[in-house]
Amino acid sequence: MKSKLVPAKEKAFIRLIDDQSPIVHGALLKEFRALQQEGIRFLNAVSHKNKQLAPHAKVFLKELLGEDTVSEFITFIRGMDYDLEQGCVLMERTINPGLELAEITVFLDAVSARCRELIVYPSSIRERCRVINRVLFHECGFCCNPDYDTNPNNVFLSKTIERRQGFAISLSILYILVAKRLDIRLELIDIPGYIMVGCFLEKQPFYVDLQSRGAFRVADELYAILVSQNMDPNVSRFGPSNTGEIISLACQQLVEQYALDNQAQRVDLFARFVDEFEHAHYRHVIP
């Protein structure tokens, strides 16, 4: 039978969580297992909010969840039935096991509801994207962190939402998921060294530059970016990335960020995920 987490239990856990006695540790582990998701949420909160107790909370999380979150994400990758929102949550849960899809869904639903309040119909896709810009970048205060910021949290969707800042990859995903709730299909465009969101629903495509708080760009400006980097301005570079490619790209960025942060184990973990995406793709192309 599932136990219930009450304030008295929380206080007891805080007092005992760093106790070195194997008997106490075993008793706490049994309690956390009985609490199920409530226990995981409690431990996850401690690991983020209490620096002194965080290492002990993470030990319990590892014992409760083990490699399950890693296996769950690999199963998702190999299944190739990709959902962007679910994939981002599963990816982040390999590091933050207590994260739940609902934590992100509630925020995205609230932002899209606010956008609906402001959209006046009939309106073009571009006009609706202007409303998304207003809500995300002005009302919510989101901004893009510079590339030289090595904090991996800039890639994770829940951390981007919590901190109101992230890299272009996480802001693009956030933008696409809000637009999806407004029945607008947008695409992630991965130009070398520059990630943005593309819209191909109107006669003339346009691009949303997340590094410039949602400024709209046209194809000529994208050509100029490539030329400035001495790259071939081939129109094929402006094509959309599919869902698997988006999540794989996020994993690649995490490999880079964890390498800069000298976290070798996590570099290996996310490099493994990138390999899994590549193998899944080749199995699909060459059965």
Protein backbone atom coordinates (compact mmCIF):
# COMPACT_ATOMS: atom_id res chain seq x y z
CA MET A 1 0.00 0.00 0.00
CA LYS A 2 1.29 3.44 -0.93
CA SER A 3 2.35 5.60 2.01
CA LYS A 4 1.68 9.34 2.26
CA LEU A 5 4.26 12.08 2.74
CA VAL A 6 3.17 14.34 5.62
CA PRO A 7 5.11 17.30 7.12
CA ALA A 8 6.20 15.25 10.15
CA LYS A 9 7.76 12.65 7.86
CA GLU A 10 9.50 15.32 5.82
CA LYS A 11 11.12 16.74 8.96
CA ALA A 12 12.21 13.27 10.05
CA PHE A 13 13.71 12.56 6.64
CA ILE A 14 15.66 15.84 6.74
CA ARG A 15 17.08 14.91 10.15
CA LEU A 16 18.05 11.37 9.15
CA ILE A 17 18.93 11.50 5.47
CA ASP A 18 22.67 11.99 6.13
CA ASP A 19 22.79 9.36 8.90
CA GLN A 20 25.63 6.91 8.17
CA SER A 21 24.00 3.96 9.96
CA PRO A 22 23.13 1.13 7.51
CA ILE A 23 20.03 0.37 9.60
CA VAL A 24 18.77 3.96 9.35
CA HIS A 25 19.63 4.10 5.64
CA GLY A 26 17.74 0.87 4.99
CA ALA A 27 14.70 2.09 6.90
CA LEU A 28 14.64 5.37 4.97
CA LEU A 29 15.00 3.55 1.67
CA LYS A 30 12.00 1.39 2.56
CA GLU A 31 9.99 4.53 3.40
CA PHE A 32 10.90 6.23 0.12
CA ARG A 33 9.91 3.12 -1.84
CA ALA A 34 6.52 3.10 -0.09
CA LEU A 35 6.02 6.76 -1.00
CA GLN A 36 6.70 6.02 -4.69
CA GLN A 37 6.59 9.24 -6.78
CA GLU A 38 6.09 11.42 -3.68
CA GLY A 39 9.35 10.08 -2.29
CA ILE A 40 11.17 10.73 -5.56
CA ARG A 41 9.82 14.30 -5.72
CA PHE A 42 10.92 14.93 -2.12
CA LEU A 43 14.45 13.62 -2.77
CA ASN A 44 14.70 15.57 -6.00
CA ALA A 45 13.71 18.77 -4.17
CA VAL A 46 16.32 18.14 -1.47
CA SER A 47 19.01 17.46 -4.09
CA HIS A 48 18.32 20.86 -5.70
CA LYS A 49 17.60 23.05 -2.69
CA ASN A 50 19.86 21.76 0.10
CA LYS A 51 23.56 21.74 -0.83
CA GLN A 52 24.56 19.96 2.38
CA LEU A 53 22.08 17.11 1.98
CA ALA A 54 22.08 16.93 -1.83
CA PRO A 55 24.75 14.18 -2.09
CA HIS A 56 22.78 11.97 0.32
CA ALA A 57 19.50 12.57 -1.52
CA LYS A 58 21.14 11.63 -4.81
CA VAL A 59 22.35 8.34 -3.32
CA PHE A 60 18.77 7.43 -2.44
CA LEU A 61 17.55 8.51 -5.90
CA LYS A 62 20.14 6.30 -7.54
CA GLU A 63 19.11 3.33 -5.38
CA LEU A 64 15.43 3.93 -6.11
CA LEU A 65 15.73 4.46 -9.84
CA GLY A 66 19.08 2.95 -10.78
CA GLU A 67 19.60 2.85 -14.55
CA ASP A 68 15.86 2.72 -15.26
CA THR A 69 15.66 6.29 -16.57
CA VAL A 70 18.60 5.63 -18.91
CA SER A 71 17.00 2.42 -20.16
CA GLU A 72 13.68 4.21 -20.58
CA PHE A 73 15.25 6.89 -22.77
CA ILE A 74 17.16 4.34 -24.86
CA THR A 75 13.91 2.41 -25.38
CA PHE A 76 12.31 5.67 -26.57
CA ILE A 77 15.18 6.29 -28.99
CA ARG A 78 15.08 2.78 -30.44
CA GLY A 79 11.29 2.89 -30.81
CA MET A 80 11.51 5.84 -33.24
CA ASP A 81 7.96 6.92 -32.34
CA TYR A 82 9.22 10.35 -31.39
CA ASP A 83 7.24 12.95 -29.48
CA LEU A 84 9.25 16.11 -28.82
CA GLU A 85 7.79 16.94 -25.41
CA GLN A 86 8.05 13.38 -24.10
CA GLY A 87 11.54 12.95 -25.53
CA CYS A 88 12.85 16.09 -23.82
CA VAL A 89 11.44 14.92 -20.48
CA LEU A 90 12.88 11.41 -20.85
CA MET A 91 16.27 12.87 -21.81
CA GLU A 92 16.33 15.14 -18.76
CA ARG A 93 15.13 12.39 -16.42
CA THR A 94 18.40 10.54 -17.05
CA ILE A 95 19.98 13.31 -14.93
CA ASN A 96 16.95 14.51 -12.96
CA PRO A 97 15.00 11.28 -12.24
CA GLY A 98 12.16 12.95 -10.34
CA LEU A 99 11.12 15.16 -13.24
CA GLU A 100 7.59 14.53 -14.50
CA LEU A 101 6.03 15.46 -17.81
CA ALA A 102 3.26 17.34 -16.01
CA GLU A 103 5.76 19.86 -14.60
CA ILE A 104 6.53 21.07 -18.12
CA THR A 105 3.05 20.53 -19.56
CA VAL A 106 1.37 22.82 -17.02
CA PHE A 107 3.69 25.70 -17.91
CA LEU A 108 3.32 25.20 -21.67
CA ASP A 109 -0.45 25.06 -21.33
CA ALA A 110 -0.47 28.30 -19.34
CA VAL A 111 1.72 30.13 -21.87
CA SER A 112 -0.38 28.95 -24.81
CA ALA A 113 -3.57 29.97 -22.98
CA ARG A 114 -2.13 33.46 -22.48
CA CYS A 115 -1.26 33.62 -26.18
CA ARG A 116 -4.84 32.72 -27.10
CA GLU A 117 -6.07 35.62 -25.01
CA LEU A 118 -3.95 38.02 -27.07
CA ILE A 119 -4.41 36.60 -30.58
CA VAL A 120 -7.03 38.43 -32.62
CA TYR A 121 -8.52 36.39 -35.46
CA PRO A 122 -8.29 36.38 -38.40
CA SER A 123 -4.51 36.71 -38.16
CA SER A 124 -1.52 35.42 -40.09
CA ILE A 125 0.96 32.89 -38.73
CA ARG A 126 3.52 35.68 -38.50
CA GLU A 127 1.14 37.79 -36.39
CA ARG A 128 0.49 34.84 -34.10
CA CYS A 129 4.23 34.31 -33.71
CA ARG A 130 4.54 37.96 -32.69
CA VAL A 131 2.14 37.17 -29.85
CA ILE A 132 4.27 34.18 -28.81
CA ASN A 133 7.28 36.51 -28.81
CA ARG A 134 5.48 38.98 -26.59
CA VAL A 135 4.46 36.34 -24.06
CA LEU A 136 7.74 34.40 -23.95
CA PHE A 137 10.31 37.18 -24.23
CA HIS A 138 8.53 40.14 -22.68
CA GLU A 139 5.91 38.87 -20.24
CA CYS A 140 7.81 35.74 -19.12
CA GLY A 141 11.26 37.31 -19.58
CA PHE A 142 13.01 34.46 -21.44
CA CYS A 143 16.41 35.19 -22.90
CA CYS A 144 19.16 33.31 -24.70
CA ASN A 145 22.38 32.61 -22.83
CA PRO A 146 25.67 33.18 -24.66
CA ASP A 147 27.44 30.13 -26.10
CA TYR A 148 30.35 30.53 -23.72
CA ASP A 149 28.10 29.77 -20.72
CA THR A 150 29.04 26.17 -19.89
CA ASN A 151 26.08 25.36 -17.63
CA PRO A 152 24.35 22.23 -19.04
CA ASN A 153 21.06 23.48 -17.57
CA ASN A 154 20.89 25.77 -20.61
CA VAL A 155 19.94 22.71 -22.68
CA PHE A 156 17.31 21.13 -20.42
CA LEU A 157 13.73 22.26 -20.99
CA SER A 158 12.58 22.27 -17.34
CA LYS A 159 15.67 24.23 -16.27
CA THR A 160 15.18 26.71 -19.10
CA ILE A 161 11.61 27.24 -17.90
CA GLU A 162 12.69 27.53 -14.26
CA ARG A 163 15.58 29.94 -14.93
CA ARG A 164 13.90 31.80 -17.83
CA GLN A 165 17.05 31.39 -19.89
CA GLY A 166 18.73 28.78 -22.03
CA PHE A 167 20.52 28.08 -25.27
CA ALA A 168 18.89 28.46 -28.67
CA ILE A 169 18.16 24.71 -28.75
CA SER A 170 16.02 24.69 -25.59
CA LEU A 171 14.33 28.01 -26.44
CA SER A 172 13.53 26.67 -29.91
CA ILE A 173 11.97 23.55 -28.43
CA LEU A 174 9.98 25.68 -25.99
CA TYR A 175 8.79 27.91 -28.85
CA ILE A 176 7.80 24.95 -31.04
CA LEU A 177 5.82 23.29 -28.22
CA VAL A 178 3.90 26.49 -27.43
CA ALA A 179 3.15 27.01 -31.13
CA LYS A 180 1.95 23.40 -31.43
CA ARG A 181 -0.68 24.10 -28.76
CA LEU A 182 -1.85 27.00 -30.92
CA ASP A 183 -2.13 24.68 -33.96
CA ILE A 184 0.94 26.23 -35.59
CA ARG A 185 3.49 23.81 -37.01
CA LEU A 186 6.98 25.25 -36.71
CA GLU A 187 10.32 23.58 -37.42
CA LEU A 188 13.78 23.69 -35.89
CA ILE A 189 16.45 24.87 -38.34
CA ASP A 190 20.01 23.81 -37.55
CA ILE A 191 22.27 26.14 -39.48
CA PRO A 192 25.91 25.45 -38.57
CA GLY A 193 26.62 27.55 -35.50
CA TYR A 194 23.11 28.98 -35.44
CA ILE A 195 19.81 27.38 -34.37
CA MET A 196 16.44 29.00 -35.01
CA VAL A 197 12.80 28.21 -35.69
CA GLY A 198 11.40 28.16 -39.22
CA CYS A 199 7.85 28.64 -40.48
CA PHE A 200 6.92 27.22 -43.90
CA LEU A 201 3.15 27.66 -43.66
CA GLU A 202 2.88 30.94 -45.58
CA LYS A 203 3.87 31.83 -49.13
CA GLN A 204 7.20 33.23 -47.98
CA PRO A 205 8.97 31.27 -45.23
CA PHE A 206 10.32 33.19 -42.28
CA TYR A 207 12.60 32.32 -39.38
CA VAL A 208 12.43 33.18 -35.67
CA ASP A 209 15.80 34.09 -34.16
CA LEU A 210 15.75 33.00 -30.51
CA GLN A 211 19.13 34.60 -29.86
CA SER A 212 17.56 37.98 -30.68
CA ARG A 213 14.38 37.59 -28.59
CA GLY A 214 12.32 36.25 -31.46
CA ALA A 215 13.35 38.64 -34.25
CA PHE A 216 12.04 37.52 -37.64
CA ARG A 217 14.58 36.69 -40.35
CA VAL A 218 14.26 35.94 -44.05
CA ALA A 219 16.24 33.52 -46.20
CA ASP A 220 18.66 36.21 -47.42
CA GLU A 221 19.75 36.85 -43.84
CA LEU A 222 20.39 33.14 -43.32
CA TYR A 223 22.49 33.09 -46.50
CA ALA A 224 24.50 35.98 -45.09
CA ILE A 225 25.15 34.05 -41.86
CA LEU A 226 26.59 31.13 -43.81
CA VAL A 227 28.68 33.36 -46.06
CA SER A 228 30.08 35.17 -43.01
CA GLN A 229 31.23 31.78 -41.69
CA ASN A 230 32.78 30.83 -45.04
CA MET A 231 30.22 28.06 -45.55
CA ASP A 232 28.44 27.03 -48.71
CA PRO A 233 25.10 28.92 -48.66
CA ASN A 234 23.20 25.91 -49.99
CA VAL A 235 19.44 26.11 -49.58
CA SER A 236 19.42 22.51 -48.29
CA ARG A 237 20.98 23.83 -45.07
CA PHE A 238 17.73 25.65 -44.31
CA GLY A 239 15.65 22.48 -44.19
CA PRO A 240 13.79 21.49 -41.02
CA SER A 241 15.10 18.94 -38.52
CA ASN A 242 12.79 16.08 -37.56
CA THR A 243 11.97 15.29 -33.94
CA GLY A 244 14.67 12.66 -33.55
CA GLU A 245 17.28 15.03 -34.95
CA ILE A 246 16.18 17.78 -32.54
CA ILE A 247 16.55 15.60 -29.44
CA SER A 248 19.81 14.14 -30.74
CA LEU A 249 21.10 17.68 -31.28
CA ALA A 250 20.23 18.51 -27.66
CA CYS A 251 22.21 15.43 -26.56
CA GLN A 252 25.17 16.58 -28.69
CA GLN A 253 25.09 19.98 -27.00
CA LEU A 254 25.05 18.28 -23.60
CA VAL A 255 28.13 16.29 -24.60
CA GLU A 256 29.87 19.59 -25.35
CA GLN A 257 28.69 21.33 -22.17
CA TYR A 258 29.56 18.46 -19.85
CA ALA A 259 33.00 18.23 -21.51
CA LEU A 260 33.57 21.91 -20.77
CA ASP A 261 32.35 21.26 -17.22
CA ASN A 262 34.78 18.32 -16.84
CA GLN A 263 32.01 15.78 -16.14
CA ALA A 264 33.40 12.77 -18.01
CA GLN A 265 30.70 10.29 -16.96
CA ARG A 266 27.94 12.49 -18.31
CA VAL A 267 29.89 13.14 -21.50
CA ASP A 268 29.98 9.38 -22.04
CA LEU A 269 26.28 9.04 -21.19
CA PHE A 270 25.04 11.60 -23.69
CA ALA A 271 27.52 10.47 -26.34
CA ARG A 272 25.92 7.05 -25.93
CA PHE A 273 22.49 8.59 -26.59
CA VAL A 274 23.78 10.32 -29.75
CA ASP A 275 25.11 6.95 -30.98
CA GLU A 276 21.73 5.36 -30.24
CA PHE A 277 19.97 7.98 -32.38
CA GLU A 278 22.42 7.37 -35.23
CA HIS A 279 22.00 3.59 -35.03
CA ALA A 280 18.21 3.93 -34.89
CA HIS A 281 18.32 6.06 -38.03
CA TYR A 282 20.49 3.60 -39.92
CA ARG A 283 18.29 0.67 -38.87
CA HIS A 284 15.33 2.56 -40.27
CA VAL A 285 17.04 3.51 -43.54
CA ILE A 286 18.75 0.14 -43.99
CA PRO A 287 16.54 -2.50 -42.28
